[in-house]
Amino acid sequence: MPNISLRGWFLCLAILAGSASVVIAAIAGWWSWQEQKNRIGASLMATSLVGFALGNDAYFNLVGQPVAESTIHELLDPPGALFADDEEPAT
């Protein structure tokens, strides 16, 4: 068995302790990241489901705007005044 000085022994111990702390920190960081991903995913899923359950009318009622009969109709059909003429304006 080789003779190791007290300084060498403490140096090896410090290197070993530093390496162990880096490994423990990496494992804790990875575990924390996985937990946060799961929480964010669950939060987004719950928010989406609540929003879907409430529907579009609930948000309009919260801000006090009148609710249209058919919102899909407004999205698909442009207002009639936009394309009143078949011709382009002369410039």
C-alpha atoms as a PDB file:
ATOM      1  CA  MET A   1       0.000   0.000   0.000  1.00  0.00           C
ATOM      2  CA  PRO A   2       1.494   3.311  -1.053  1.00  0.00           C
ATOM      3  CA  ASN A   3       2.128   6.008   1.489  1.00  0.00           C
ATOM      4  CA  ILE A   4      -0.192   8.984   0.980  1.00  0.00           C
ATOM      5  CA  SER A   5       0.498  12.244   2.728  1.00  0.00           C
ATOM      6  CA  LEU A   6      -2.188  13.981   4.712  1.00  0.00           C
ATOM      7  CA  ARG A   7      -2.346  16.709   2.050  1.00  0.00           C
ATOM      8  CA  GLY A   8      -2.852  14.099  -0.687  1.00  0.00           C
ATOM      9  CA  TRP A   9      -5.506  12.343   1.373  1.00  0.00           C
ATOM     10  CA  PHE A  10      -7.476  15.581   1.868  1.00  0.00           C
ATOM     11  CA  LEU A  11      -7.092  16.416  -1.831  1.00  0.00           C
ATOM     12  CA  CYS A  12      -8.532  13.044  -2.849  1.00  0.00           C
ATOM     13  CA  LEU A  13     -11.310  13.431  -0.320  1.00  0.00           C
ATOM     14  CA  ALA A  14     -12.139  16.932  -1.648  1.00  0.00           C
ATOM     15  CA  ILE A  15     -12.184  15.712  -5.257  1.00  0.00           C
ATOM     16  CA  LEU A  16     -14.407  12.785  -4.324  1.00  0.00           C
ATOM     17  CA  ALA A  17     -16.794  15.000  -2.343  1.00  0.00           C
ATOM     18  CA  GLY A  18     -16.950  17.573  -5.158  1.00  0.00           C
ATOM     19  CA  SER A  19     -17.676  14.871  -7.722  1.00  0.00           C
ATOM     20  CA  ALA A  20     -20.376  13.346  -5.525  1.00  0.00           C
ATOM     21  CA  SER A  21     -22.034  16.731  -5.014  1.00  0.00           C
ATOM     22  CA  VAL A  22     -22.076  17.379  -8.774  1.00  0.00           C
ATOM     23  CA  VAL A  23     -23.661  13.982  -9.428  1.00  0.00           C
ATOM     24  CA  ILE A  24     -26.267  14.506  -6.690  1.00  0.00           C
ATOM     25  CA  ALA A  25     -27.076  17.986  -8.036  1.00  0.00           C
ATOM     26  CA  ALA A  26     -27.475  16.625 -11.576  1.00  0.00           C
ATOM     27  CA  ILE A  27     -29.834  13.880 -10.390  1.00  0.00           C
ATOM     28  CA  ALA A  28     -31.860  16.341  -8.291  1.00  0.00           C
ATOM     29  CA  GLY A  29     -32.062  18.776 -11.215  1.00  0.00           C
ATOM     30  CA  TRP A  30     -33.234  16.064 -13.595  1.00  0.00           C
ATOM     31  CA  TRP A  31     -35.868  14.852 -11.117  1.00  0.00           C
ATOM     32  CA  SER A  32     -37.074  18.425 -10.508  1.00  0.00           C
ATOM     33  CA  TRP A  33     -37.322  19.039 -14.253  1.00  0.00           C
ATOM     34  CA  GLN A  34     -39.398  15.903 -14.730  1.00  0.00           C
ATOM     35  CA  GLU A  35     -41.759  16.959 -11.926  1.00  0.00           C
ATOM     36  CA  GLN A  36     -42.163  20.448 -13.391  1.00  0.00           C
ATOM     37  CA  LYS A  37     -42.909  19.035 -16.842  1.00  0.00           C
ATOM     38  CA  ASN A  38     -45.622  16.825 -15.370  1.00  0.00           C
ATOM     39  CA  ARG A  39     -47.136  19.722 -13.406  1.00  0.00           C
ATOM     40  CA  ILE A  40     -47.140  22.053 -16.408  1.00  0.00           C
ATOM     41  CA  GLY A  41     -48.713  19.360 -18.574  1.00  0.00           C
ATOM     42  CA  ALA A  42     -51.419  18.688 -15.993  1.00  0.00           C
ATOM     43  CA  SER A  43     -52.067  22.409 -15.587  1.00  0.00           C
ATOM     44  CA  LEU A  44     -52.425  22.943 -19.333  1.00  0.00           C
ATOM     45  CA  MET A  45     -54.715  19.939 -19.615  1.00  0.00           C
ATOM     46  CA  ALA A  46     -56.935  21.167 -16.779  1.00  0.00           C
ATOM     47  CA  THR A  47     -57.063  24.678 -18.228  1.00  0.00           C
ATOM     48  CA  SER A  48     -57.965  23.339 -21.654  1.00  0.00           C
ATOM     49  CA  LEU A  49     -60.694  21.097 -20.297  1.00  0.00           C
ATOM     50  CA  VAL A  50     -62.207  23.878 -18.178  1.00  0.00           C
ATOM     51  CA  GLY A  51     -62.099  26.267 -21.132  1.00  0.00           C
ATOM     52  CA  PHE A  52     -63.724  23.691 -23.367  1.00  0.00           C
ATOM     53  CA  ALA A  53     -66.391  22.949 -20.784  1.00  0.00           C
ATOM     54  CA  LEU A  54     -67.226  26.618 -20.297  1.00  0.00           C
ATOM     55  CA  GLY A  55     -67.305  27.273 -24.007  1.00  0.00           C
ATOM     56  CA  ASN A  56     -66.882  30.494 -25.878  1.00  0.00           C
ATOM     57  CA  ASP A  57     -70.029  32.079 -24.456  1.00  0.00           C
ATOM     58  CA  ALA A  58     -68.696  32.089 -20.909  1.00  0.00           C
ATOM     59  CA  TYR A  59     -65.756  34.303 -21.842  1.00  0.00           C
ATOM     60  CA  PHE A  60     -68.005  36.769 -23.650  1.00  0.00           C
ATOM     61  CA  ASN A  61     -70.331  36.887 -20.649  1.00  0.00           C
ATOM     62  CA  LEU A  62     -67.402  37.630 -18.333  1.00  0.00           C
ATOM     63  CA  VAL A  63     -66.357  40.697 -20.328  1.00  0.00           C
ATOM     64  CA  GLY A  64     -69.943  41.820 -20.888  1.00  0.00           C
ATOM     65  CA  GLN A  65     -70.052  41.520 -24.668  1.00  0.00           C
ATOM     66  CA  PRO A  66     -73.178  40.275 -26.404  1.00  0.00           C
ATOM     67  CA  VAL A  67     -73.026  36.695 -27.570  1.00  0.00           C
ATOM     68  CA  ALA A  68     -73.513  36.064 -31.287  1.00  0.00           C
ATOM     69  CA  GLU A  69     -75.866  33.351 -32.435  1.00  0.00           C
ATOM     70  CA  SER A  70     -73.263  31.572 -34.498  1.00  0.00           C
ATOM     71  CA  THR A  71     -69.604  32.453 -34.078  1.00  0.00           C
ATOM     72  CA  ILE A  72     -68.530  29.981 -36.759  1.00  0.00           C
ATOM     73  CA  HIS A  73     -70.664  31.863 -39.267  1.00  0.00           C
ATOM     74  CA  GLU A  74     -68.705  35.036 -38.502  1.00  0.00           C
ATOM     75  CA  LEU A  75     -65.419  33.257 -39.042  1.00  0.00           C
ATOM     76  CA  LEU A  76     -66.285  31.639 -42.364  1.00  0.00           C
ATOM     77  CA  ASP A  77     -68.368  34.302 -44.134  1.00  0.00           C
ATOM     78  CA  PRO A  78     -66.966  37.805 -44.678  1.00  0.00           C
ATOM     79  CA  PRO A  79     -69.293  40.785 -44.236  1.00  0.00           C
ATOM     80  CA  GLY A  80     -71.247  41.701 -47.348  1.00  0.00           C
ATOM     81  CA  ALA A  81     -69.785  45.210 -47.649  1.00  0.00           C
ATOM     82  CA  LEU A  82     -66.286  43.956 -48.338  1.00  0.00           C
ATOM     83  CA  PHE A  83     -67.043  42.454 -51.723  1.00  0.00           C
ATOM     84  CA  ALA A  84     -70.020  44.486 -52.920  1.00  0.00           C
ATOM     85  CA  ASP A  85     -68.597  44.991 -56.415  1.00  0.00           C
ATOM     86  CA  ASP A  86     -67.088  42.409 -58.694  1.00  0.00           C
ATOM     87  CA  GLU A  87     -64.700  44.957 -60.194  1.00  0.00           C
ATOM     88  CA  GLU A  88     -61.509  46.272 -58.703  1.00  0.00           C
ATOM     89  CA  PRO A  89     -61.325  50.013 -58.128  1.00  0.00           C
ATOM     90  CA  ALA A  90     -59.501  51.958 -60.840  1.00  0.00           C
ATOM     91  CA  THR A  91     -56.334  53.668 -59.716  1.00  0.00           C
END
